[in-house]
Structure formats: C-alpha cells, structure tokens
C-alpha atoms as a PDB file:
ATOM      1  CA  MET A   1       0.028  -0.008   0.164  1.00  0.00           C
ATOM      2  CA  SER A   2       2.976   2.168  -0.242  1.00  0.00           C
ATOM      3  CA  PHE A   3       1.629   3.073  -3.649  1.00  0.00           C
ATOM      4  CA  GLU A   4      -1.344   5.240  -2.066  1.00  0.00           C
ATOM      5  CA  ASN A   5      -1.561   8.828  -2.448  1.00  0.00           C
ATOM      6  CA  PHE A   6      -2.628  10.030   0.982  1.00  0.00           C
ATOM      7  CA  PRO A   7      -0.129  12.272   3.150  1.00  0.00           C
ATOM      8  CA  ALA A   8       1.271  10.447   6.317  1.00  0.00           C
ATOM      9  CA  SER A   9      -0.272  11.827   9.104  1.00  0.00           C
ATOM     10  CA  THR A  10       2.606  13.499  11.436  1.00  0.00           C
ATOM     11  CA  THR A  11       0.241  14.252  14.129  1.00  0.00           C
ATOM     12  CA  PRO A  12      -0.681  11.253  16.561  1.00  0.00           C
ATOM     13  CA  GLU A  13      -4.247  10.664  16.620  1.00  0.00           C
ATOM     14  CA  PRO A  14      -6.099  12.244  19.338  1.00  0.00           C
ATOM     15  CA  LYS A  15      -6.598  10.613  22.450  1.00  0.00           C
ATOM     16  CA  PRO A  16     -10.079  10.891  24.374  1.00  0.00           C
ATOM     17  CA  VAL A  17      -9.629  13.822  26.763  1.00  0.00           C
ATOM     18  CA  LYS A  18     -10.445  12.787  30.560  1.00  0.00           C
ATOM     19  CA  LYS A  19     -13.588  14.732  31.568  1.00  0.00           C
ATOM     20  CA  LYS A  20     -12.484  16.716  34.688  1.00  0.00           C
ATOM     21  CA  THR A  21     -15.037  16.006  37.699  1.00  0.00           C
ATOM     22  CA  ASP A  22     -17.029  19.158  37.780  1.00  0.00           C
ATOM     23  CA  TYR A  23     -18.752  19.508  41.047  1.00  0.00           C
ATOM     24  CA  ARG A  24     -20.675  22.369  39.455  1.00  0.00           C
ATOM     25  CA  ASN A  25     -23.756  20.054  39.222  1.00  0.00           C
ATOM     26  CA  LEU A  26     -23.585  18.690  42.554  1.00  0.00           C
ATOM     27  CA  ILE A  27     -23.272  22.094  44.343  1.00  0.00           C
ATOM     28  CA  THR A  28     -26.157  23.405  42.379  1.00  0.00           C
ATOM     29  CA  GLY A  29     -28.402  20.635  42.987  1.00  0.00           C
ATOM     30  CA  VAL A  30     -27.389  21.037  47.116  1.00  0.00           C
ATOM     31  CA  LEU A  31     -28.111  24.605  46.668  1.00  0.00           C
ATOM     32  CA  VAL A  32     -31.577  24.293  45.389  1.00  0.00           C
ATOM     33  CA  ALA A  33     -32.606  21.713  47.506  1.00  0.00           C
ATOM     34  CA  GLY A  34     -31.513  23.703  50.397  1.00  0.00           C
ATOM     35  CA  LEU A  35     -33.515  26.793  49.334  1.00  0.00           C
ATOM     36  CA  LEU A  36     -36.766  24.520  48.456  1.00  0.00           C
ATOM     37  CA  GLY A  37     -36.411  23.215  52.013  1.00  0.00           C
ATOM     38  CA  THR A  38     -36.029  26.704  53.603  1.00  0.00           C
ATOM     39  CA  TRP A  39     -39.042  27.981  51.537  1.00  0.00           C
ATOM     40  CA  GLY A  40     -40.911  24.702  52.680  1.00  0.00           C
ATOM     41  CA  TYR A  41     -39.978  25.654  56.224  1.00  0.00           C
ATOM     42  CA  ILE A  42     -41.057  28.891  56.544  1.00  0.00           C
ATOM     43  CA  ILE A  43     -44.705  28.135  54.441  1.00  0.00           C
ATOM     44  CA  TYR A  44     -45.020  25.333  57.563  1.00  0.00           C
ATOM     45  CA  ASP A  45     -43.932  27.486  60.202  1.00  0.00           C
ATOM     46  CA  LYS A  46     -46.217  30.336  58.914  1.00  0.00           C
ATOM     47  CA  ASN A  47     -49.493  27.639  58.986  1.00  0.00           C
ATOM     48  CA  GLN A  48     -48.563  26.893  62.355  1.00  0.00           C
ATOM     49  CA  ALA A  49     -48.383  30.337  63.689  1.00  0.00           C
ATOM     50  CA  LYS A  50     -51.722  31.097  61.836  1.00  0.00           C
ATOM     51  CA  GLN A  51     -52.985  27.655  63.843  1.00  0.00           C
ATOM     52  CA  GLU A  52     -51.778  28.997  67.000  1.00  0.00           C
ATOM     53  CA  LYS A  53     -53.270  32.408  66.518  1.00  0.00           C
ATOM     54  CA  VAL A  54     -56.728  30.808  65.781  1.00  0.00           C
ATOM     55  CA  VAL A  55     -56.671  28.660  68.860  1.00  0.00           C
ATOM     56  CA  LEU A  56     -55.205  31.486  71.418  1.00  0.00           C
ATOM     57  CA  THR A  57     -57.963  33.904  69.879  1.00  0.00           C
ATOM     58  CA  THR A  58     -60.440  31.260  70.677  1.00  0.00           C
ATOM     59  CA  GLN A  59     -59.443  30.735  74.049  1.00  0.00           C
ATOM     60  CA  VAL A  60     -59.336  34.067  74.594  1.00  0.00           C
ATOM     61  CA  ASP A  61     -63.106  34.557  73.901  1.00  0.00           C
ATOM     62  CA  SER A  62     -64.046  31.336  75.537  1.00  0.00           C
ATOM     63  CA  ALA A  63     -62.228  33.336  78.517  1.00  0.00           C
ATOM     64  CA  ASN A  64     -63.945  36.615  78.193  1.00  0.00           C
ATOM     65  CA  SER A  65     -67.172  34.846  77.757  1.00  0.00           C
ATOM     66  CA  SER A  66     -66.918  32.766  80.953  1.00  0.00           C
ATOM     67  CA  ALA A  67     -65.765  36.337  82.656  1.00  0.00           C
ATOM     68  CA  LYS A  68     -68.837  38.137  81.533  1.00  0.00           C
ATOM     69  CA  THR A  69     -70.892  35.451  82.794  1.00  0.00           C
ATOM     70  CA  LEU A  70     -68.976  35.025  86.159  1.00  0.00           C
ATOM     71  CA  GLN A  71     -69.417  39.148  86.565  1.00  0.00           C
ATOM     72  CA  LYS A  72     -73.110  38.662  86.134  1.00  0.00           C
ATOM     73  CA  GLU A  73     -73.770  36.167  88.562  1.00  0.00           C
ATOM     74  CA  LEU A  74     -71.626  38.362  91.068  1.00  0.00           C
ATOM     75  CA  ASP A  75     -73.539  41.071  90.213  1.00  0.00           C
ATOM     76  CA  ASP A  76     -76.825  39.267  90.901  1.00  0.00           C
ATOM     77  CA  ALA A  77     -75.518  37.642  94.294  1.00  0.00           C
ATOM     78  CA  THR A  78     -74.236  41.215  95.361  1.00  0.00           C
ATOM     79  CA  ALA A  79     -78.212  42.385  94.601  1.00  0.00           C
ATOM     80  CA  LYS A  80     -79.378  39.630  96.285  1.00  0.00           C
ATOM     81  CA  VAL A  81     -77.336  40.316  99.336  1.00  0.00           C
ATOM     82  CA  ASP A  82     -78.173  43.716  99.546  1.00  0.00           C
ATOM     83  CA  MET A  83     -81.978  42.951  99.290  1.00  0.00           C
ATOM     84  CA  LEU A  84     -81.690  40.621 101.959  1.00  0.00           C
ATOM     85  CA  LYS A  85     -79.591  42.853 104.308  1.00  0.00           C
ATOM     86  CA  SER A  86     -82.367  45.602 103.663  1.00  0.00           C
ATOM     87  CA  THR A  87     -85.140  43.026 104.696  1.00  0.00           C
ATOM     88  CA  ASN A  88     -82.874  41.930 107.499  1.00  0.00           C
ATOM     89  CA  ALA A  89     -82.791  45.445 108.683  1.00  0.00           C
ATOM     90  CA  LYS A  90     -86.433  46.159 108.476  1.00  0.00           C
ATOM     91  CA  ALA A  91     -87.243  43.043 110.352  1.00  0.00           C
ATOM     92  CA  ASP A  92     -84.688  44.012 112.648  1.00  0.00           C
ATOM     93  CA  SER A  93     -86.520  47.426 113.516  1.00  0.00           C
ATOM     94  CA  LEU A  94     -89.667  46.150 113.739  1.00  0.00           C
ATOM     95  CA  LEU A  95     -88.077  43.523 115.852  1.00  0.00           C
ATOM     96  CA  ARG A  96     -87.203  46.270 118.049  1.00  0.00           C
ATOM     97  CA  THR A  97     -90.533  48.429 118.194  1.00  0.00           C
ATOM     98  CA  LYS A  98     -92.181  45.242 119.203  1.00  0.00           C
ATOM     99  CA  ASP A  99     -89.545  44.603 121.966  1.00  0.00           C
ATOM    100  CA  LYS A 100     -90.071  48.171 123.151  1.00  0.00           C
ATOM    101  CA  ASP A 101     -93.901  47.544 122.845  1.00  0.00           C
ATOM    102  CA  ILE A 102     -93.720  44.603 124.833  1.00  0.00           C
ATOM    103  CA  GLU A 103     -91.602  46.208 127.609  1.00  0.00           C
ATOM    104  CA  ALA A 104     -94.197  48.846 128.262  1.00  0.00           C
END
C-alpha cells in the first residue's frame, strides 16, 4: 500500500480527553434543595403560627365569655345580698319596736 496517495499523518491521533470532575452540578443541586427546604420550612412555620393564633383567639374569647358570665352572676348575688340586708334591717327594726311595745 505504499502506492497510495494519502499524506502521512505526522500528528498522533487525538486521545479521548478525560472529563474533569466538575462538582458544579452537584453544588447547584445541593443549593437548590437547600433553598426549597427553607421555603418549605417557612411555609410550614407560617401555617403553624396561624393555627396557634386561631387557637389562642378561641381561648381568649372563651375566657372573656366566662368572665362576663361570672361577673353577671356576681352582680346578681350582690344585688340579692343587698336586698336580704335591707329586709333583715327592716325585720330587725320591726322586732325592736315590738320589743319596746312589749316592755311598755
């Protein structure tokens, strides 16, 4: 085959280049996962805060309702005590007048 008219190659055939280990894709993936994780946590935390706020609001409303009920019962009891004191005072004064009439 020495009669062929092809130029002889003086440069060696290129060897396959080894791909350099590139961690850019791995680092990008880790950062994206971290970002998504923080977003998920923020959303979860906000939902928990809203639920806690609703529970606390319900407890405050219930406590206010109970306080109003107890205040009304206290006012009713105070009015009844005042009425009984005035009735007792009238009965006491009537008893004293009767005692004076009996002594006379």
